[in-house]
Amino acid sequence: MARAAVFTAQHLGVRQIVAYSRSGFTARLIARYRPPVPILVLTPNKRVACQMQLLWGVMPLLVTEQTSADGEIILLVENYLKSARLVRPGERLIVLMGGSASDRPKTNLMQIHQVRR
């Protein structure tokens, strides 16, 4: 999934790759491929956010809300990035997240999302 996100970002001209990660594992996977765009990682865990500062190209963002539903994660990501003025309406993002199908979610979902107004 991480390699697919980097490949898609390069070929679609996406300006940012965004990941919602509780453990930071997703950020490590994406950073391994050294994408030419920034990697924004939203996490509810302060310790994970501190660890993510050491990764290549990763900008950790601490969120206070925790959610597990896929649609809610997309809304959380969009609202947070718009309020922080990191995205503009109409921009496309690649969002990676773990599915809520198991007790221990792994990064198994990638969505190309266009920021709404």
PDB file of N, CA and C in Angstrom:
ATOM      1  N   MET A   1       0.812  -1.188   0.000  1.00  0.00           N
ATOM      2  CA  MET A   1       0.000   0.000   0.000  1.00  0.00           C
ATOM      3  C   MET A   1       0.864   1.264   0.000  1.00  0.00           C
ATOM      4  N   ALA A   2       1.934   1.247   0.745  1.00  0.00           N
ATOM      5  CA  ALA A   2       2.796   2.428   0.794  1.00  0.00           C
ATOM      6  C   ALA A   2       3.416   2.706  -0.569  1.00  0.00           C
ATOM      7  N   ARG A   3       3.902   1.675  -1.216  1.00  0.00           N
ATOM      8  CA  ARG A   3       4.493   1.847  -2.539  1.00  0.00           C
ATOM      9  C   ARG A   3       3.445   2.312  -3.543  1.00  0.00           C
ATOM     10  N   ALA A   4       2.240   1.781  -3.438  1.00  0.00           N
ATOM     11  CA  ALA A   4       1.151   2.199  -4.321  1.00  0.00           C
ATOM     12  C   ALA A   4       0.805   3.665  -4.100  1.00  0.00           C
ATOM     13  N   ALA A   5       0.839   4.117  -2.854  1.00  0.00           N
ATOM     14  CA  ALA A   5       0.547   5.520  -2.551  1.00  0.00           C
ATOM     15  C   ALA A   5       1.602   6.442  -3.153  1.00  0.00           C
ATOM     16  N   VAL A   6       2.864   6.073  -3.043  1.00  0.00           N
ATOM     17  CA  VAL A   6       3.943   6.888  -3.609  1.00  0.00           C
ATOM     18  C   VAL A   6       3.841   6.912  -5.126  1.00  0.00           C
ATOM     19  N   PHE A   7       3.604   5.764  -5.736  1.00  0.00           N
ATOM     20  CA  PHE A   7       3.442   5.676  -7.183  1.00  0.00           C
ATOM     21  C   PHE A   7       2.274   6.540  -7.660  1.00  0.00           C
ATOM     22  N   THR A   8       1.161   6.444  -6.976  1.00  0.00           N
ATOM     23  CA  THR A   8      -0.036   7.220  -7.336  1.00  0.00           C
ATOM     24  C   THR A   8       0.216   8.714  -7.168  1.00  0.00           C
ATOM     25  N   ALA A   9       0.877   9.096  -6.098  1.00  0.00           N
ATOM     26  CA  ALA A   9       1.179  10.514  -5.878  1.00  0.00           C
ATOM     27  C   ALA A   9       2.023  11.083  -7.010  1.00  0.00           C
ATOM     28  N   GLN A  10       2.987  10.313  -7.474  1.00  0.00           N
ATOM     29  CA  GLN A  10       3.857  10.775  -8.558  1.00  0.00           C
ATOM     30  C   GLN A  10       3.097  10.895  -9.872  1.00  0.00           C
ATOM     31  N   HIS A  11       2.214   9.973 -10.146  1.00  0.00           N
ATOM     32  CA  HIS A  11       1.542   9.949 -11.442  1.00  0.00           C
ATOM     33  C   HIS A  11       0.285  10.807 -11.512  1.00  0.00           C
ATOM     34  N   LEU A  12      -0.306  11.142 -10.361  1.00  0.00           N
ATOM     35  CA  LEU A  12      -1.490  12.000 -10.363  1.00  0.00           C
ATOM     36  C   LEU A  12      -1.178  13.442  -9.980  1.00  0.00           C
ATOM     37  N   GLY A  13       0.055  13.703  -9.605  1.00  0.00           N
ATOM     38  CA  GLY A  13       0.420  15.065  -9.220  1.00  0.00           C
ATOM     39  C   GLY A  13      -0.175  15.486  -7.892  1.00  0.00           C
ATOM     40  N   VAL A  14      -0.374  14.529  -7.003  1.00  0.00           N
ATOM     41  CA  VAL A  14      -0.913  14.823  -5.675  1.00  0.00           C
ATOM     42  C   VAL A  14       0.165  15.517  -4.852  1.00  0.00           C
ATOM     43  N   ARG A  15      -0.231  16.528  -4.079  1.00  0.00           N
ATOM     44  CA  ARG A  15       0.754  17.331  -3.340  1.00  0.00           C
ATOM     45  C   ARG A  15       1.138  16.763  -1.983  1.00  0.00           C
ATOM     46  N   GLN A  16       0.304  15.844  -1.425  1.00  0.00           N
ATOM     47  CA  GLN A  16       0.600  15.301  -0.097  1.00  0.00           C
ATOM     48  C   GLN A  16       0.066  13.883   0.019  1.00  0.00           C
ATOM     49  N   ILE A  17       0.781  13.088   0.784  1.00  0.00           N
ATOM     50  CA  ILE A  17       0.284  11.777   1.183  1.00  0.00           C
ATOM     51  C   ILE A  17      -0.068  11.898   2.658  1.00  0.00           C
ATOM     52  N   VAL A  18      -1.260  11.477   3.010  1.00  0.00           N
ATOM     53  CA  VAL A  18      -1.733  11.593   4.381  1.00  0.00           C
ATOM     54  C   VAL A  18      -2.001  10.194   4.928  1.00  0.00           C
ATOM     55  N   ALA A  19      -1.580   9.960   6.153  1.00  0.00           N
ATOM     56  CA  ALA A  19      -1.843   8.681   6.798  1.00  0.00           C
ATOM     57  C   ALA A  19      -2.442   8.926   8.170  1.00  0.00           C
ATOM     58  N   TYR A  20      -3.415   8.101   8.524  1.00  0.00           N
ATOM     59  CA  TYR A  20      -3.934   8.089   9.888  1.00  0.00           C
ATOM     60  C   TYR A  20      -3.350   6.838  10.530  1.00  0.00           C
ATOM     61  N   SER A  21      -2.538   7.028  11.564  1.00  0.00           N
ATOM     62  CA  SER A  21      -1.818   5.906  12.150  1.00  0.00           C
ATOM     63  C   SER A  21      -1.800   6.009  13.666  1.00  0.00           C
ATOM     64  N   ARG A  22      -2.141   4.933  14.324  1.00  0.00           N
ATOM     65  CA  ARG A  22      -2.079   4.908  15.787  1.00  0.00           C
ATOM     66  C   ARG A  22      -0.693   4.509  16.289  1.00  0.00           C
ATOM     67  N   SER A  23       0.030   3.708  15.487  1.00  0.00           N
ATOM     68  CA  SER A  23       1.326   3.202  15.937  1.00  0.00           C
ATOM     69  C   SER A  23       2.514   3.821  15.210  1.00  0.00           C
ATOM     70  N   GLY A  24       2.278   4.457  14.064  1.00  0.00           N
ATOM     71  CA  GLY A  24       3.362   5.026  13.278  1.00  0.00           C
ATOM     72  C   GLY A  24       3.908   4.075  12.229  1.00  0.00           C
ATOM     73  N   PHE A  25       3.415   2.856  12.199  1.00  0.00           N
ATOM     74  CA  PHE A  25       3.891   1.859  11.258  1.00  0.00           C
ATOM     75  C   PHE A  25       3.664   2.302   9.818  1.00  0.00           C
ATOM     76  N   THR A  26       2.516   2.874   9.555  1.00  0.00           N
ATOM     77  CA  THR A  26       2.199   3.349   8.201  1.00  0.00           C
ATOM     78  C   THR A  26       3.190   4.415   7.754  1.00  0.00           C
ATOM     79  N   ALA A  27       3.517   5.336   8.639  1.00  0.00           N
ATOM     80  CA  ALA A  27       4.476   6.394   8.299  1.00  0.00           C
ATOM     81  C   ALA A  27       5.841   5.814   7.960  1.00  0.00           C
ATOM     82  N   ARG A  28       6.265   4.813   8.709  1.00  0.00           N
ATOM     83  CA  ARG A  28       7.555   4.170   8.436  1.00  0.00           C
ATOM     84  C   ARG A  28       7.558   3.512   7.056  1.00  0.00           C
ATOM     85  N   LEU A  29       6.454   2.870   6.719  1.00  0.00           N
ATOM     86  CA  LEU A  29       6.356   2.220   5.410  1.00  0.00           C
ATOM     87  C   LEU A  29       6.445   3.231   4.275  1.00  0.00           C
ATOM     88  N   ILE A  30       5.724   4.334   4.395  1.00  0.00           N
ATOM     89  CA  ILE A  30       5.715   5.341   3.329  1.00  0.00           C
ATOM     90  C   ILE A  30       7.079   6.013   3.209  1.00  0.00           C
ATOM     91  N   ALA A  31       7.681   6.378   4.345  1.00  0.00           N
ATOM     92  CA  ALA A  31       8.974   7.079   4.334  1.00  0.00           C
ATOM     93  C   ALA A  31      10.065   6.225   3.697  1.00  0.00           C
ATOM     94  N   ARG A  32       9.928   4.934   3.764  1.00  0.00           N
ATOM     95  CA  ARG A  32      10.917   4.027   3.178  1.00  0.00           C
ATOM     96  C   ARG A  32      11.080   4.263   1.673  1.00  0.00           C
ATOM     97  N   TYR A  33      10.011   4.709   1.011  1.00  0.00           N
ATOM     98  CA  TYR A  33      10.043   4.910  -0.435  1.00  0.00           C
ATOM     99  C   TYR A  33      10.444   6.329  -0.843  1.00  0.00           C
ATOM    100  N   ARG A  34      10.736   7.200   0.118  1.00  0.00           N
ATOM    101  CA  ARG A  34      11.209   8.553  -0.143  1.00  0.00           C
ATOM    102  C   ARG A  34      10.367   9.289  -1.196  1.00  0.00           C
ATOM    103  N   PRO A  35       9.074   9.472  -0.937  1.00  0.00           N
ATOM    104  CA  PRO A  35       8.245  10.144  -1.939  1.00  0.00           C
ATOM    105  C   PRO A  35       8.662  11.601  -2.124  1.00  0.00           C
ATOM    106  N   PRO A  36       8.399  12.158  -3.305  1.00  0.00           N
ATOM    107  CA  PRO A  36       8.766  13.552  -3.564  1.00  0.00           C
ATOM    108  C   PRO A  36       7.793  14.553  -2.953  1.00  0.00           C
ATOM    109  N   VAL A  37       6.777  14.071  -2.267  1.00  0.00           N
ATOM    110  CA  VAL A  37       5.779  14.941  -1.634  1.00  0.00           C
ATOM    111  C   VAL A  37       5.822  14.715  -0.123  1.00  0.00           C
ATOM    112  N   PRO A  38       5.357  15.693   0.657  1.00  0.00           N
ATOM    113  CA  PRO A  38       5.349  15.518   2.116  1.00  0.00           C
ATOM    114  C   PRO A  38       4.412  14.395   2.551  1.00  0.00           C
ATOM    115  N   ILE A  39       4.761  13.788   3.669  1.00  0.00           N
ATOM    116  CA  ILE A  39       3.936  12.751   4.288  1.00  0.00           C
ATOM    117  C   ILE A  39       3.377  13.343   5.575  1.00  0.00           C
ATOM    118  N   LEU A  40       2.070  13.532   5.624  1.00  0.00           N
ATOM    119  CA  LEU A  40       1.423  14.041   6.828  1.00  0.00           C
ATOM    120  C   LEU A  40       0.826  12.854   7.567  1.00  0.00           C
ATOM    121  N   VAL A  41       1.182  12.702   8.838  1.00  0.00           N
ATOM    122  CA  VAL A  41       0.685  11.574   9.619  1.00  0.00           C
ATOM    123  C   VAL A  41      -0.114  12.110  10.794  1.00  0.00           C
ATOM    124  N   LEU A  42      -1.396  11.793  10.797  1.00  0.00           N
ATOM    125  CA  LEU A  42      -2.264  12.157  11.908  1.00  0.00           C
ATOM    126  C   LEU A  42      -2.318  10.989  12.871  1.00  0.00           C
ATOM    127  N   THR A  43      -2.067  11.274  14.136  1.00  0.00           N
ATOM    128  CA  THR A  43      -2.077  10.227  15.154  1.00  0.00           C
ATOM    129  C   THR A  43      -2.669  10.776  16.452  1.00  0.00           C
ATOM    130  N   PRO A  44      -3.412   9.956  17.179  1.00  0.00           N
ATOM    131  CA  PRO A  44      -3.928  10.386  18.471  1.00  0.00           C
ATOM    132  C   PRO A  44      -2.935  10.146  19.618  1.00  0.00           C
ATOM    133  N   ASN A  45      -1.774   9.580  19.306  1.00  0.00           N
ATOM    134  CA  ASN A  45      -0.800   9.191  20.310  1.00  0.00           C
ATOM    135  C   ASN A  45       0.376  10.172  20.312  1.00  0.00           C
ATOM    136  N   LYS A  46       0.571  10.868  21.427  1.00  0.00           N
ATOM    137  CA  LYS A  46       1.638  11.868  21.521  1.00  0.00           C
ATOM    138  C   LYS A  46       3.027  11.248  21.373  1.00  0.00           C
ATOM    139  N   ARG A  47       3.230  10.090  21.947  1.00  0.00           N
ATOM    140  CA  ARG A  47       4.528   9.415  21.854  1.00  0.00           C
ATOM    141  C   ARG A  47       4.849   9.053  20.401  1.00  0.00           C
ATOM    142  N   VAL A  48       3.857   8.566  19.686  1.00  0.00           N
ATOM    143  CA  VAL A  48       4.037   8.220  18.275  1.00  0.00           C
ATOM    144  C   VAL A  48       4.358   9.475  17.468  1.00  0.00           C
ATOM    145  N   ALA A  49       3.679  10.575  17.765  1.00  0.00           N
ATOM    146  CA  ALA A  49       3.941  11.835  17.056  1.00  0.00           C
ATOM    147  C   ALA A  49       5.394  12.272  17.255  1.00  0.00           C
ATOM    148  N   CYS A  50       5.903  12.115  18.447  1.00  0.00           N
ATOM    149  CA  CYS A  50       7.306  12.474  18.708  1.00  0.00           C
ATOM    150  C   CYS A  50       8.258  11.572  17.928  1.00  0.00           C
ATOM    151  N   GLN A  51       7.957  10.282  17.863  1.00  0.00           N
ATOM    152  CA  GLN A  51       8.804   9.346  17.124  1.00  0.00           C
ATOM    153  C   GLN A  51       8.797   9.646  15.623  1.00  0.00           C
ATOM    154  N   MET A  52       7.666  10.080  15.120  1.00  0.00           N
ATOM    155  CA  MET A  52       7.525  10.336  13.684  1.00  0.00           C
ATOM    156  C   MET A  52       8.376  11.520  13.211  1.00  0.00           C
ATOM    157  N   GLN A  53       8.787  12.380  14.134  1.00  0.00           N
ATOM    158  CA  GLN A  53       9.619  13.521  13.767  1.00  0.00           C
ATOM    159  C   GLN A  53      10.988  13.094  13.254  1.00  0.00           C
ATOM    160  N   LEU A  54      11.376  11.873  13.533  1.00  0.00           N
ATOM    161  CA  LEU A  54      12.684  11.381  13.114  1.00  0.00           C
ATOM    162  C   LEU A  54      12.676  10.762  11.723  1.00  0.00           C
ATOM    163  N   LEU A  55      11.513  10.576  11.146  1.00  0.00           N
ATOM    164  CA  LEU A  55      11.412   9.923   9.844  1.00  0.00           C
ATOM    165  C   LEU A  55      11.555  10.913   8.700  1.00  0.00           C
ATOM    166  N   TRP A  56      12.129  10.455   7.609  1.00  0.00           N
ATOM    167  CA  TRP A  56      12.360  11.265   6.421  1.00  0.00           C
ATOM    168  C   TRP A  56      11.042  11.719   5.806  1.00  0.00           C
ATOM    169  N   GLY A  57      10.862  13.035   5.657  1.00  0.00           N
ATOM    170  CA  GLY A  57       9.715  13.593   4.953  1.00  0.00           C
ATOM    171  C   GLY A  57       8.396  13.544   5.691  1.00  0.00           C
ATOM    172  N   VAL A  58       8.410  13.160   6.953  1.00  0.00           N
ATOM    173  CA  VAL A  58       7.169  12.982   7.713  1.00  0.00           C
ATOM    174  C   VAL A  58       6.908  14.196   8.587  1.00  0.00           C
ATOM    175  N   MET A  59       5.672  14.673   8.535  1.00  0.00           N
ATOM    176  CA  MET A  59       5.214  15.755   9.399  1.00  0.00           C
ATOM    177  C   MET A  59       4.106  15.187  10.290  1.00  0.00           C
ATOM    178  N   PRO A  60       4.412  14.901  11.564  1.00  0.00           N
ATOM    179  CA  PRO A  60       3.389  14.333  12.448  1.00  0.00           C
ATOM    180  C   PRO A  60       2.425  15.418  12.933  1.00  0.00           C
ATOM    181  N   LEU A  61       1.159  15.045  13.014  1.00  0.00           N
ATOM    182  CA  LEU A  61       0.122  15.945  13.488  1.00  0.00           C
ATOM    183  C   LEU A  61      -0.681  15.222  14.560  1.00  0.00           C
ATOM    184  N   LEU A  62      -0.720  15.788  15.753  1.00  0.00           N
ATOM    185  CA  LEU A  62      -1.413  15.170  16.872  1.00  0.00           C
ATOM    186  C   LEU A  62      -2.889  15.556  16.842  1.00  0.00           C
ATOM    187  N   VAL A  63      -3.766  14.562  16.795  1.00  0.00           N
ATOM    188  CA  VAL A  63      -5.204  14.816  16.821  1.00  0.00           C
ATOM    189  C   VAL A  63      -5.750  14.324  18.152  1.00  0.00           C
ATOM    190  N   THR A  64      -6.795  14.984  18.637  1.00  0.00           N
ATOM    191  CA  THR A  64      -7.366  14.601  19.924  1.00  0.00           C
ATOM    192  C   THR A  64      -8.480  13.571  19.776  1.00  0.00           C
ATOM    193  N   GLU A  65      -9.125  13.550  18.618  1.00  0.00           N
ATOM    194  CA  GLU A  65     -10.223  12.611  18.411  1.00  0.00           C
ATOM    195  C   GLU A  65      -9.677  11.251  17.996  1.00  0.00           C
ATOM    196  N   GLN A  66     -10.343  10.202  18.459  1.00  0.00           N
ATOM    197  CA  GLN A  66     -10.020   8.849  18.008  1.00  0.00           C
ATOM    198  C   GLN A  66     -11.254   8.293  17.330  1.00  0.00           C
ATOM    199  N   THR A  67     -11.049   7.639  16.227  1.00  0.00           N
ATOM    200  CA  THR A  67     -12.155   7.056  15.489  1.00  0.00           C
ATOM    201  C   THR A  67     -11.666   5.798  14.802  1.00  0.00           C
ATOM    202  N   SER A  68     -12.599   4.942  14.448  1.00  0.00           N
ATOM    203  CA  SER A  68     -12.204   3.714  13.770  1.00  0.00           C
ATOM    204  C   SER A  68     -12.949   3.511  12.454  1.00  0.00           C
ATOM    205  N   ALA A  69     -14.051   4.203  12.259  1.00  0.00           N
ATOM    206  CA  ALA A  69     -14.812   4.050  11.017  1.00  0.00           C
ATOM    207  C   ALA A  69     -14.098   4.777   9.879  1.00  0.00           C
ATOM    208  N   ASP A  70     -14.028   4.120   8.724  1.00  0.00           N
ATOM    209  CA  ASP A  70     -13.280   4.668   7.598  1.00  0.00           C
ATOM    210  C   ASP A  70     -13.778   6.050   7.175  1.00  0.00           C
ATOM    211  N   GLY A  71     -15.087   6.221   7.062  1.00  0.00           N
ATOM    212  CA  GLY A  71     -15.649   7.507   6.667  1.00  0.00           C
ATOM    213  C   GLY A  71     -15.346   8.602   7.669  1.00  0.00           C
ATOM    214  N   GLU A  72     -15.348   8.245   8.938  1.00  0.00           N
ATOM    215  CA  GLU A  72     -15.044   9.223   9.983  1.00  0.00           C
ATOM    216  C   GLU A  72     -13.572   9.640   9.930  1.00  0.00           C
ATOM    217  N   ILE A  73     -12.702   8.707   9.590  1.00  0.00           N
ATOM    218  CA  ILE A  73     -11.278   9.033   9.487  1.00  0.00           C
ATOM    219  C   ILE A  73     -11.051  10.029   8.357  1.00  0.00           C
ATOM    220  N   ILE A  74     -11.699   9.814   7.227  1.00  0.00           N
ATOM    221  CA  ILE A  74     -11.564  10.740   6.097  1.00  0.00           C
ATOM    222  C   ILE A  74     -12.047  12.127   6.501  1.00  0.00           C
ATOM    223  N   LEU A  75     -13.193  12.227   7.174  1.00  0.00           N
ATOM    224  CA  LEU A  75     -13.697  13.523   7.629  1.00  0.00           C
ATOM    225  C   LEU A  75     -12.760  14.164   8.642  1.00  0.00           C
ATOM    226  N   LEU A  76     -12.229  13.368   9.558  1.00  0.00           N
ATOM    227  CA  LEU A  76     -11.287  13.874  10.552  1.00  0.00           C
ATOM    228  C   LEU A  76     -10.051  14.437   9.874  1.00  0.00           C
ATOM    229  N   VAL A  77      -9.503  13.695   8.928  1.00  0.00           N
ATOM    230  CA  VAL A  77      -8.316  14.131   8.197  1.00  0.00           C
ATOM    231  C   VAL A  77      -8.601  15.433   7.459  1.00  0.00           C
ATOM    232  N   GLU A  78      -9.700  15.466   6.714  1.00  0.00           N
ATOM    233  CA  GLU A  78     -10.022  16.665   5.933  1.00  0.00           C
ATOM    234  C   GLU A  78     -10.243  17.883   6.825  1.00  0.00           C
ATOM    235  N   ASN A  79     -11.039  17.731   7.873  1.00  0.00           N
ATOM    236  CA  ASN A  79     -11.320  18.858   8.760  1.00  0.00           C
ATOM    237  C   ASN A  79     -10.068  19.362   9.458  1.00  0.00           C
ATOM    238  N   TYR A  80      -9.222  18.450   9.912  1.00  0.00           N
ATOM    239  CA  TYR A  80      -7.995  18.856  10.595  1.00  0.00           C
ATOM    240  C   TYR A  80      -7.069  19.610   9.642  1.00  0.00           C
ATOM    241  N   LEU A  81      -6.874  19.072   8.452  1.00  0.00           N
ATOM    242  CA  LEU A  81      -5.958  19.709   7.504  1.00  0.00           C
ATOM    243  C   LEU A  81      -6.479  21.049   7.016  1.00  0.00           C
ATOM    244  N   LYS A  82      -7.789  21.175   6.857  1.00  0.00           N
ATOM    245  CA  LYS A  82      -8.353  22.467   6.452  1.00  0.00           C
ATOM    246  C   LYS A  82      -8.208  23.489   7.570  1.00  0.00           C
ATOM    247  N   SER A  83      -8.466  23.089   8.811  1.00  0.00           N
ATOM    248  CA  SER A  83      -8.350  24.037   9.915  1.00  0.00           C
ATOM    249  C   SER A  83      -6.898  24.450  10.155  1.00  0.00           C
ATOM    250  N   ALA A  84      -5.965  23.563   9.851  1.00  0.00           N
ATOM    251  CA  ALA A  84      -4.539  23.890   9.990  1.00  0.00           C
ATOM    252  C   ALA A  84      -3.987  24.582   8.743  1.00  0.00           C
ATOM    253  N   ARG A  85      -4.844  24.778   7.750  1.00  0.00           N
ATOM    254  CA  ARG A  85      -4.491  25.429   6.483  1.00  0.00           C
ATOM    255  C   ARG A  85      -3.355  24.711   5.749  1.00  0.00           C
ATOM    256  N   LEU A  86      -3.412  23.393   5.801  1.00  0.00           N
ATOM    257  CA  LEU A  86      -2.419  22.587   5.093  1.00  0.00           C
ATOM    258  C   LEU A  86      -2.932  22.127   3.734  1.00  0.00           C
ATOM    259  N   VAL A  87      -4.236  22.272   3.517  1.00  0.00           N
ATOM    260  CA  VAL A  87      -4.842  21.941   2.225  1.00  0.00           C
ATOM    261  C   VAL A  87      -5.853  23.019   1.857  1.00  0.00           C
ATOM    262  N   ARG A  88      -6.147  23.070   0.569  1.00  0.00           N
ATOM    263  CA  ARG A  88      -7.164  23.998   0.074  1.00  0.00           C
ATOM    264  C   ARG A  88      -8.277  23.195  -0.576  1.00  0.00           C
ATOM    265  N   PRO A  89      -9.475  23.762  -0.632  1.00  0.00           N
ATOM    266  CA  PRO A  89     -10.571  23.071  -1.320  1.00  0.00           C
ATOM    267  C   PRO A  89     -10.194  22.776  -2.772  1.00  0.00           C
ATOM    268  N   GLY A  90     -10.549  21.582  -3.204  1.00  0.00           N
ATOM    269  CA  GLY A  90     -10.253  21.167  -4.568  1.00  0.00           C
ATOM    270  C   GLY A  90      -8.980  20.355  -4.702  1.00  0.00           C
ATOM    271  N   GLU A  91      -8.080  20.425  -3.724  1.00  0.00           N
ATOM    272  CA  GLU A  91      -6.841  19.641  -3.782  1.00  0.00           C
ATOM    273  C   GLU A  91      -7.159  18.162  -3.602  1.00  0.00           C
ATOM    274  N   ARG A  92      -6.316  17.336  -4.204  1.00  0.00           N
ATOM    275  CA  ARG A  92      -6.443  15.892  -4.029  1.00  0.00           C
ATOM    276  C   ARG A  92      -5.387  15.396  -3.057  1.00  0.00           C
ATOM    277  N   LEU A  93      -5.797  14.457  -2.235  1.00  0.00           N
ATOM    278  CA  LEU A  93      -4.911  13.838  -1.256  1.00  0.00           C
ATOM    279  C   LEU A  93      -4.958  12.332  -1.426  1.00  0.00           C
ATOM    280  N   ILE A  94      -3.892  11.687  -1.092  1.00  0.00           N
ATOM    281  CA  ILE A  94      -3.916  10.243  -0.960  1.00  0.00           C
ATOM    282  C   ILE A  94      -3.951   9.962   0.530  1.00  0.00           C
ATOM    283  N   VAL A  95      -4.971   9.253   0.963  1.00  0.00           N
ATOM    284  CA  VAL A  95      -5.147   8.959   2.384  1.00  0.00           C
ATOM    285  C   VAL A  95      -4.979   7.462   2.596  1.00  0.00           C
ATOM    286  N   LEU A  96      -4.069   7.101   3.489  1.00  0.00           N
ATOM    287  CA  LEU A  96      -3.859   5.706   3.872  1.00  0.00           C
ATOM    288  C   LEU A  96      -4.347   5.511   5.297  1.00  0.00           C
ATOM    289  N   MET A  97      -4.975   4.368   5.523  1.00  0.00           N
ATOM    290  CA  MET A  97      -5.466   4.068   6.869  1.00  0.00           C
ATOM    291  C   MET A  97      -5.629   2.569   7.014  1.00  0.00           C
ATOM    292  N   GLY A  98      -5.786   2.144   8.235  1.00  0.00           N
ATOM    293  CA  GLY A  98      -6.045   0.736   8.496  1.00  0.00           C
ATOM    294  C   GLY A  98      -7.531   0.488   8.505  1.00  0.00           C
ATOM    295  N   GLY A  99      -7.921  -0.623   7.977  1.00  0.00           N
ATOM    296  CA  GLY A  99      -9.333  -0.984   7.976  1.00  0.00           C
ATOM    297  C   GLY A  99      -9.786  -1.366   9.368  1.00  0.00           C
ATOM    298  N   SER A 100     -11.052  -1.233   9.626  1.00  0.00           N
ATOM    299  CA  SER A 100     -11.588  -1.541  10.954  1.00  0.00           C
ATOM    300  C   SER A 100     -12.091  -2.978  11.031  1.00  0.00           C
ATOM    301  N   ALA A 101     -11.637  -3.837  10.122  1.00  0.00           N
ATOM    302  CA  ALA A 101     -12.138  -5.206  10.065  1.00  0.00           C
ATOM    303  C   ALA A 101     -11.516  -6.115  11.115  1.00  0.00           C
ATOM    304  N   SER A 102     -10.387  -5.761  11.664  1.00  0.00           N
ATOM    305  CA  SER A 102      -9.737  -6.644  12.630  1.00  0.00           C
ATOM    306  C   SER A 102      -9.465  -5.906  13.936  1.00  0.00           C
ATOM    307  N   ASP A 103      -9.069  -6.695  14.932  1.00  0.00           N
ATOM    308  CA  ASP A 103      -8.738  -6.091  16.227  1.00  0.00           C
ATOM    309  C   ASP A 103      -7.488  -5.233  16.128  1.00  0.00           C
ATOM    310  N   ARG A 104      -6.572  -5.634  15.266  1.00  0.00           N
ATOM    311  CA  ARG A 104      -5.319  -4.906  15.094  1.00  0.00           C
ATOM    312  C   ARG A 104      -5.233  -4.424  13.660  1.00  0.00           C
ATOM    313  N   PRO A 105      -5.771  -3.240  13.392  1.00  0.00           N
ATOM    314  CA  PRO A 105      -5.828  -2.790  11.999  1.00  0.00           C
ATOM    315  C   PRO A 105      -4.446  -2.608  11.384  1.00  0.00           C
ATOM    316  N   LYS A 106      -4.353  -3.025  10.141  1.00  0.00           N
ATOM    317  CA  LYS A 106      -3.146  -2.831   9.361  1.00  0.00           C
ATOM    318  C   LYS A 106      -3.479  -1.844   8.253  1.00  0.00           C
ATOM    319  N   THR A 107      -2.472  -1.283   7.634  1.00  0.00           N
ATOM    320  CA  THR A 107      -2.705  -0.346   6.548  1.00  0.00           C
ATOM    321  C   THR A 107      -3.165  -1.128   5.332  1.00  0.00           C
ATOM    322  N   ASN A 108      -4.465  -1.076   5.083  1.00  0.00           N
ATOM    323  CA  ASN A 108      -4.992  -1.831   3.967  1.00  0.00           C
ATOM    324  C   ASN A 108      -5.997  -1.034   3.138  1.00  0.00           C
ATOM    325  N   LEU A 109      -6.091   0.253   3.391  1.00  0.00           N
ATOM    326  CA  LEU A 109      -7.004   1.093   2.622  1.00  0.00           C
ATOM    327  C   LEU A 109      -6.288   2.335   2.112  1.00  0.00           C
ATOM    328  N   MET A 110      -6.465   2.598   0.831  1.00  0.00           N
ATOM    329  CA  MET A 110      -5.923   3.813   0.228  1.00  0.00           C
ATOM    330  C   MET A 110      -7.066   4.489  -0.507  1.00  0.00           C
ATOM    331  N   GLN A 111      -7.211   5.781  -0.286  1.00  0.00           N
ATOM    332  CA  GLN A 111      -8.267   6.527  -0.954  1.00  0.00           C
ATOM    333  C   GLN A 111      -7.694   7.810  -1.535  1.00  0.00           C
ATOM    334  N   ILE A 112      -8.065   8.094  -2.767  1.00  0.00           N
ATOM    335  CA  ILE A 112      -7.736   9.380  -3.364  1.00  0.00           C
ATOM    336  C   ILE A 112      -8.924  10.271  -3.048  1.00  0.00           C
ATOM    337  N   HIS A 113      -8.676  11.308  -2.297  1.00  0.00           N
ATOM    338  CA  HIS A 113      -9.749  12.151  -1.774  1.00  0.00           C
ATOM    339  C   HIS A 113      -9.580  13.581  -2.256  1.00  0.00           C
ATOM    340  N   GLN A 114     -10.652  14.168  -2.725  1.00  0.00           N
ATOM    341  CA  GLN A 114     -10.624  15.576  -3.117  1.00  0.00           C
ATOM    342  C   GLN A 114     -11.240  16.397  -1.984  1.00  0.00           C
ATOM    343  N   VAL A 115     -10.519  17.393  -1.527  1.00  0.00           N
ATOM    344  CA  VAL A 115     -10.945  18.228  -0.411  1.00  0.00           C
ATOM    345  C   VAL A 115     -12.167  19.035  -0.825  1.00  0.00           C
ATOM    346  N   ARG A 116     -13.203  18.961   0.008  1.00  0.00           N
ATOM    347  CA  ARG A 116     -14.436  19.704  -0.271  1.00  0.00           C
ATOM    348  C   ARG A 116     -14.331  21.129   0.238  1.00  0.00           C
ATOM    349  N   ARG A 117     -15.265  21.930  -0.181  1.00  0.00           N
ATOM    350  CA  ARG A 117     -15.295  23.352   0.250  1.00  0.00           C
ATOM    351  C   ARG A 117     -15.795  23.525   1.627  1.00  0.00           C
TER     352      ARG A 117
END
